[in-house]
Amino acid sequence: MNRRKKLNQILRANAKKASAKLAPKNKDTYVSKADRLKLAAKASAEAGSDSTTESAPGAASPSEPV
């Protein structure tokens, strides 16, 4: 591989890395298994407390838009 081709290859690789860094991130951030379990427990606790504090079947809860 001659010098010019090698240099162009290196410059192309660096340009590709730079453009990838500027590209929008489509992936969600990683959440560990322990954190997922904590979030699930918190959500189930909130769901359980919501069902016990419901006053009337037709009443709108604060989280629902009117």
PDB file of N, CA and C in Angstrom:
ATOM      1  N   MET A   1       0.863  -1.167   0.000  1.00  0.00           N
ATOM      2  CA  MET A   1       0.000   0.000   0.000  1.00  0.00           C
ATOM      3  C   MET A   1       0.913   1.234   0.000  1.00  0.00           C
ATOM      4  N   ASN A   2       0.695   2.120  -0.956  1.00  0.00           N
ATOM      5  CA  ASN A   2       1.576   3.280  -1.017  1.00  0.00           C
ATOM      6  C   ASN A   2       1.197   4.328   0.030  1.00  0.00           C
ATOM      7  N   ARG A   3       2.085   5.298   0.196  1.00  0.00           N
ATOM      8  CA  ARG A   3       1.889   6.291   1.267  1.00  0.00           C
ATOM      9  C   ARG A   3       0.625   7.108   1.076  1.00  0.00           C
ATOM     10  N   ARG A   4       0.343   7.511  -0.158  1.00  0.00           N
ATOM     11  CA  ARG A   4      -0.821   8.365  -0.405  1.00  0.00           C
ATOM     12  C   ARG A   4      -2.121   7.632  -0.070  1.00  0.00           C
ATOM     13  N   LYS A   5      -2.209   6.380  -0.487  1.00  0.00           N
ATOM     14  CA  LYS A   5      -3.414   5.588  -0.218  1.00  0.00           C
ATOM     15  C   LYS A   5      -3.588   5.376   1.286  1.00  0.00           C
ATOM     16  N   LYS A   6      -2.507   5.083   1.985  1.00  0.00           N
ATOM     17  CA  LYS A   6      -2.572   4.867   3.438  1.00  0.00           C
ATOM     18  C   LYS A   6      -2.998   6.147   4.145  1.00  0.00           C
ATOM     19  N   LEU A   7      -2.432   7.273   3.730  1.00  0.00           N
ATOM     20  CA  LEU A   7      -2.789   8.560   4.335  1.00  0.00           C
ATOM     21  C   LEU A   7      -4.262   8.891   4.104  1.00  0.00           C
ATOM     22  N   ASN A   8      -4.726   8.665   2.868  1.00  0.00           N
ATOM     23  CA  ASN A   8      -6.140   8.911   2.574  1.00  0.00           C
ATOM     24  C   ASN A   8      -7.040   8.004   3.392  1.00  0.00           C
ATOM     25  N   GLN A   9      -6.628   6.766   3.583  1.00  0.00           N
ATOM     26  CA  GLN A   9      -7.414   5.835   4.383  1.00  0.00           C
ATOM     27  C   GLN A   9      -7.527   6.315   5.833  1.00  0.00           C
ATOM     28  N   ILE A  10      -6.424   6.782   6.386  1.00  0.00           N
ATOM     29  CA  ILE A  10      -6.422   7.273   7.770  1.00  0.00           C
ATOM     30  C   ILE A  10      -7.294   8.523   7.895  1.00  0.00           C
ATOM     31  N   LEU A  11      -7.164   9.446   6.945  1.00  0.00           N
ATOM     32  CA  LEU A  11      -7.962  10.671   6.989  1.00  0.00           C
ATOM     33  C   LEU A  11      -9.455  10.372   6.827  1.00  0.00           C
ATOM     34  N   ARG A  12      -9.783   9.432   5.943  1.00  0.00           N
ATOM     35  CA  ARG A  12     -11.181   9.042   5.760  1.00  0.00           C
ATOM     36  C   ARG A  12     -11.752   8.429   7.035  1.00  0.00           C
ATOM     37  N   ALA A  13     -10.956   7.604   7.707  1.00  0.00           N
ATOM     38  CA  ALA A  13     -11.416   6.969   8.947  1.00  0.00           C
ATOM     39  C   ALA A  13     -11.654   8.012  10.028  1.00  0.00           C
ATOM     40  N   ASN A  14     -10.750   8.990  10.129  1.00  0.00           N
ATOM     41  CA  ASN A  14     -10.924  10.049  11.132  1.00  0.00           C
ATOM     42  C   ASN A  14     -12.149  10.905  10.826  1.00  0.00           C
ATOM     43  N   ALA A  15     -12.390  11.201   9.554  1.00  0.00           N
ATOM     44  CA  ALA A  15     -13.561  11.987   9.172  1.00  0.00           C
ATOM     45  C   ALA A  15     -14.846  11.219   9.471  1.00  0.00           C
ATOM     46  N   LYS A  16     -14.821   9.916   9.239  1.00  0.00           N
ATOM     47  CA  LYS A  16     -15.994   9.081   9.513  1.00  0.00           C
ATOM     48  C   LYS A  16     -16.303   9.069  11.011  1.00  0.00           C
ATOM     49  N   LYS A  17     -15.269   8.957  11.848  1.00  0.00           N
ATOM     50  CA  LYS A  17     -15.466   8.973  13.293  1.00  0.00           C
ATOM     51  C   LYS A  17     -16.018  10.311  13.759  1.00  0.00           C
ATOM     52  N   ALA A  18     -15.508  11.409  13.185  1.00  0.00           N
ATOM     53  CA  ALA A  18     -15.965  12.737  13.582  1.00  0.00           C
ATOM     54  C   ALA A  18     -17.430  12.947  13.202  1.00  0.00           C
ATOM     55  N   SER A  19     -17.824  12.501  12.010  1.00  0.00           N
ATOM     56  CA  SER A  19     -19.217  12.681  11.599  1.00  0.00           C
ATOM     57  C   SER A  19     -20.152  11.777  12.400  1.00  0.00           C
ATOM     58  N   ALA A  20     -19.666  10.601  12.789  1.00  0.00           N
ATOM     59  CA  ALA A  20     -20.485   9.709  13.606  1.00  0.00           C
ATOM     60  C   ALA A  20     -20.709  10.302  14.982  1.00  0.00           C
ATOM     61  N   LYS A  21     -19.730  11.016  15.489  1.00  0.00           N
ATOM     62  CA  LYS A  21     -19.853  11.642  16.809  1.00  0.00           C
ATOM     63  C   LYS A  21     -20.903  12.753  16.776  1.00  0.00           C
ATOM     64  N   LEU A  22     -21.008  13.454  15.645  1.00  0.00           N
ATOM     65  CA  LEU A  22     -21.965  14.550  15.521  1.00  0.00           C
ATOM     66  C   LEU A  22     -23.373  14.069  15.187  1.00  0.00           C
ATOM     67  N   ALA A  23     -23.504  12.845  14.734  1.00  0.00           N
ATOM     68  CA  ALA A  23     -24.807  12.307  14.338  1.00  0.00           C
ATOM     69  C   ALA A  23     -25.702  12.167  15.574  1.00  0.00           C
ATOM     70  N   PRO A  24     -27.019  12.306  15.392  1.00  0.00           N
ATOM     71  CA  PRO A  24     -27.927  12.158  16.541  1.00  0.00           C
ATOM     72  C   PRO A  24     -27.917  10.732  17.074  1.00  0.00           C
ATOM     73  N   LYS A  25     -28.089  10.621  18.345  1.00  0.00           N
ATOM     74  CA  LYS A  25     -28.063   9.311  19.004  1.00  0.00           C
ATOM     75  C   LYS A  25     -29.476   8.730  18.999  1.00  0.00           C
ATOM     76  N   ASN A  26     -29.648   7.595  18.356  1.00  0.00           N
ATOM     77  CA  ASN A  26     -30.953   6.951  18.286  1.00  0.00           C
ATOM     78  C   ASN A  26     -31.137   5.928  19.395  1.00  0.00           C
ATOM     79  N   LYS A  27     -30.022   5.512  19.986  1.00  0.00           N
ATOM     80  CA  LYS A  27     -30.090   4.484  20.999  1.00  0.00           C
ATOM     81  C   LYS A  27     -30.410   5.087  22.362  1.00  0.00           C
ATOM     82  N   ASP A  28     -31.225   4.398  23.141  1.00  0.00           N
ATOM     83  CA  ASP A  28     -31.486   4.817  24.505  1.00  0.00           C
ATOM     84  C   ASP A  28     -30.275   4.514  25.368  1.00  0.00           C
ATOM     85  N   THR A  29     -30.180   5.255  26.481  1.00  0.00           N
ATOM     86  CA  THR A  29     -29.064   4.992  27.377  1.00  0.00           C
ATOM     87  C   THR A  29     -29.283   3.664  28.084  1.00  0.00           C
ATOM     88  N   TYR A  30     -28.205   3.003  28.433  1.00  0.00           N
ATOM     89  CA  TYR A  30     -28.277   1.694  29.063  1.00  0.00           C
ATOM     90  C   TYR A  30     -28.766   1.819  30.495  1.00  0.00           C
ATOM     91  N   VAL A  31     -29.715   0.974  30.872  1.00  0.00           N
ATOM     92  CA  VAL A  31     -30.214   0.906  32.236  1.00  0.00           C
ATOM     93  C   VAL A  31     -29.878  -0.482  32.755  1.00  0.00           C
ATOM     94  N   SER A  32     -29.151  -0.528  33.865  1.00  0.00           N
ATOM     95  CA  SER A  32     -28.712  -1.822  34.387  1.00  0.00           C
ATOM     96  C   SER A  32     -29.900  -2.643  34.877  1.00  0.00           C
ATOM     97  N   LYS A  33     -29.670  -3.923  35.038  1.00  0.00           N
ATOM     98  CA  LYS A  33     -30.727  -4.839  35.458  1.00  0.00           C
ATOM     99  C   LYS A  33     -31.244  -4.462  36.840  1.00  0.00           C
ATOM    100  N   ALA A  34     -30.345  -4.067  37.736  1.00  0.00           N
ATOM    101  CA  ALA A  34     -30.751  -3.674  39.088  1.00  0.00           C
ATOM    102  C   ALA A  34     -31.630  -2.425  39.044  1.00  0.00           C
ATOM    103  N   ASP A  35     -31.265  -1.460  38.199  1.00  0.00           N
ATOM    104  CA  ASP A  35     -32.072  -0.248  38.076  1.00  0.00           C
ATOM    105  C   ASP A  35     -33.429  -0.547  37.464  1.00  0.00           C
ATOM    106  N   ARG A  36     -33.468  -1.468  36.498  1.00  0.00           N
ATOM    107  CA  ARG A  36     -34.762  -1.842  35.898  1.00  0.00           C
ATOM    108  C   ARG A  36     -35.671  -2.472  36.943  1.00  0.00           C
ATOM    109  N   LEU A  37     -35.100  -3.310  37.813  1.00  0.00           N
ATOM    110  CA  LEU A  37     -35.902  -3.933  38.868  1.00  0.00           C
ATOM    111  C   LEU A  37     -36.425  -2.890  39.844  1.00  0.00           C
ATOM    112  N   LYS A  38     -35.578  -1.899  40.172  1.00  0.00           N
ATOM    113  CA  LYS A  38     -36.006  -0.827  41.076  1.00  0.00           C
ATOM    114  C   LYS A  38     -37.156  -0.026  40.451  1.00  0.00           C
ATOM    115  N   LEU A  39     -37.014   0.301  39.164  1.00  0.00           N
ATOM    116  CA  LEU A  39     -38.062   1.060  38.481  1.00  0.00           C
ATOM    117  C   LEU A  39     -39.364   0.262  38.401  1.00  0.00           C
ATOM    118  N   ALA A  40     -39.256  -1.036  38.158  1.00  0.00           N
ATOM    119  CA  ALA A  40     -40.445  -1.879  38.090  1.00  0.00           C
ATOM    120  C   ALA A  40     -41.128  -1.957  39.450  1.00  0.00           C
ATOM    121  N   ALA A  41     -40.332  -2.074  40.512  1.00  0.00           N
ATOM    122  CA  ALA A  41     -40.907  -2.136  41.855  1.00  0.00           C
ATOM    123  C   ALA A  41     -41.579  -0.812  42.206  1.00  0.00           C
ATOM    124  N   LYS A  42     -40.940   0.286  41.815  1.00  0.00           N
ATOM    125  CA  LYS A  42     -41.517   1.610  42.087  1.00  0.00           C
ATOM    126  C   LYS A  42     -42.829   1.799  41.319  1.00  0.00           C
ATOM    127  N   ALA A  43     -42.844   1.351  40.064  1.00  0.00           N
ATOM    128  CA  ALA A  43     -44.049   1.478  39.246  1.00  0.00           C
ATOM    129  C   ALA A  43     -45.177   0.614  39.797  1.00  0.00           C
ATOM    130  N   SER A  44     -44.855  -0.585  40.246  1.00  0.00           N
ATOM    131  CA  SER A  44     -45.896  -1.450  40.789  1.00  0.00           C
ATOM    132  C   SER A  44     -46.404  -0.917  42.120  1.00  0.00           C
ATOM    133  N   ALA A  45     -45.530  -0.289  42.904  1.00  0.00           N
ATOM    134  CA  ALA A  45     -45.957   0.307  44.169  1.00  0.00           C
ATOM    135  C   ALA A  45     -46.890   1.488  43.902  1.00  0.00           C
ATOM    136  N   GLU A  46     -46.552   2.287  42.879  1.00  0.00           N
ATOM    137  CA  GLU A  46     -47.421   3.419  42.529  1.00  0.00           C
ATOM    138  C   GLU A  46     -48.754   2.926  41.983  1.00  0.00           C
ATOM    139  N   ALA A  47     -48.728   1.868  41.197  1.00  0.00           N
ATOM    140  CA  ALA A  47     -49.967   1.324  40.645  1.00  0.00           C
ATOM    141  C   ALA A  47     -50.853   0.788  41.767  1.00  0.00           C
ATOM    142  N   GLY A  48     -50.257   0.177  42.761  1.00  0.00           N
ATOM    143  CA  GLY A  48     -51.015  -0.338  43.889  1.00  0.00           C
ATOM    144  C   GLY A  48     -51.594   0.778  44.733  1.00  0.00           C
ATOM    145  N   SER A  49     -50.870   1.879  44.906  1.00  0.00           N
ATOM    146  CA  SER A  49     -51.374   2.990  45.701  1.00  0.00           C
ATOM    147  C   SER A  49     -52.442   3.766  44.934  1.00  0.00           C
ATOM    148  N   ASP A  50     -52.357   3.795  43.600  1.00  0.00           N
ATOM    149  CA  ASP A  50     -53.364   4.490  42.796  1.00  0.00           C
ATOM    150  C   ASP A  50     -54.724   3.790  42.898  1.00  0.00           C
ATOM    151  N   SER A  51     -54.716   2.486  42.930  1.00  0.00           N
ATOM    152  CA  SER A  51     -55.982   1.763  42.966  1.00  0.00           C
ATOM    153  C   SER A  51     -56.648   1.904  44.332  1.00  0.00           C
ATOM    154  N   THR A  52     -55.881   2.099  45.396  1.00  0.00           N
ATOM    155  CA  THR A  52     -56.474   2.230  46.730  1.00  0.00           C
ATOM    156  C   THR A  52     -56.942   3.645  47.008  1.00  0.00           C
ATOM    157  N   THR A  53     -56.372   4.654  46.349  1.00  0.00           N
ATOM    158  CA  THR A  53     -56.743   6.035  46.622  1.00  0.00           C
ATOM    159  C   THR A  53     -57.807   6.558  45.671  1.00  0.00           C
ATOM    160  N   GLU A  54     -58.299   5.739  44.800  1.00  0.00           N
ATOM    161  CA  GLU A  54     -59.317   6.181  43.850  1.00  0.00           C
ATOM    162  C   GLU A  54     -60.622   6.443  44.605  1.00  0.00           C
ATOM    163  N   SER A  55     -61.164   7.675  44.446  1.00  0.00           N
ATOM    164  CA  SER A  55     -62.343   8.057  45.218  1.00  0.00           C
ATOM    165  C   SER A  55     -63.644   7.699  44.509  1.00  0.00           C
ATOM    166  N   ALA A  56     -63.745   8.033  43.240  1.00  0.00           N
ATOM    167  CA  ALA A  56     -64.964   7.746  42.498  1.00  0.00           C
ATOM    168  C   ALA A  56     -64.584   7.192  41.128  1.00  0.00           C
ATOM    169  N   PRO A  57     -65.407   6.310  40.578  1.00  0.00           N
ATOM    170  CA  PRO A  57     -65.062   5.728  39.287  1.00  0.00           C
ATOM    171  C   PRO A  57     -65.024   6.751  38.173  1.00  0.00           C
ATOM    172  N   GLY A  58     -65.835   7.802  38.219  1.00  0.00           N
ATOM    173  CA  GLY A  58     -65.890   8.795  37.153  1.00  0.00           C
ATOM    174  C   GLY A  58     -64.970   9.970  37.390  1.00  0.00           C
ATOM    175  N   ALA A  59     -64.312  10.056  38.525  1.00  0.00           N
ATOM    176  CA  ALA A  59     -63.471  11.196  38.840  1.00  0.00           C
ATOM    177  C   ALA A  59     -62.164  11.124  38.037  1.00  0.00           C
ATOM    178  N   ALA A  60     -61.709  12.296  37.571  1.00  0.00           N
ATOM    179  CA  ALA A  60     -60.480  12.357  36.795  1.00  0.00           C
ATOM    180  C   ALA A  60     -59.285  12.421  37.746  1.00  0.00           C
ATOM    181  N   SER A  61     -58.280  11.628  37.453  1.00  0.00           N
ATOM    182  CA  SER A  61     -57.080  11.665  38.281  1.00  0.00           C
ATOM    183  C   SER A  61     -56.195  12.833  37.814  1.00  0.00           C
ATOM    184  N   PRO A  62     -55.295  13.330  38.639  1.00  0.00           N
ATOM    185  CA  PRO A  62     -54.474  14.466  38.248  1.00  0.00           C
ATOM    186  C   PRO A  62     -53.542  14.152  37.091  1.00  0.00           C
ATOM    187  N   SER A  63     -53.195  12.898  36.860  1.00  0.00           N
ATOM    188  CA  SER A  63     -52.284  12.559  35.770  1.00  0.00           C
ATOM    189  C   SER A  63     -52.996  12.514  34.418  1.00  0.00           C
ATOM    190  N   GLU A  64     -54.308  12.389  34.406  1.00  0.00           N
ATOM    191  CA  GLU A  64     -55.041  12.320  33.141  1.00  0.00           C
ATOM    192  C   GLU A  64     -55.474  13.707  32.705  1.00  0.00           C
ATOM    193  N   PRO A  65     -55.303  14.034  31.414  1.00  0.00           N
ATOM    194  CA  PRO A  65     -55.774  15.330  30.919  1.00  0.00           C
ATOM    195  C   PRO A  65     -57.308  15.356  30.881  1.00  0.00           C
ATOM    196  N   VAL A  66     -57.856  16.492  31.096  1.00  0.00           N
ATOM    197  CA  VAL A  66     -59.321  16.629  31.142  1.00  0.00           C
ATOM    198  C   VAL A  66     -59.866  16.932  29.789  1.00  0.00           C
TER     199      VAL A  66
END
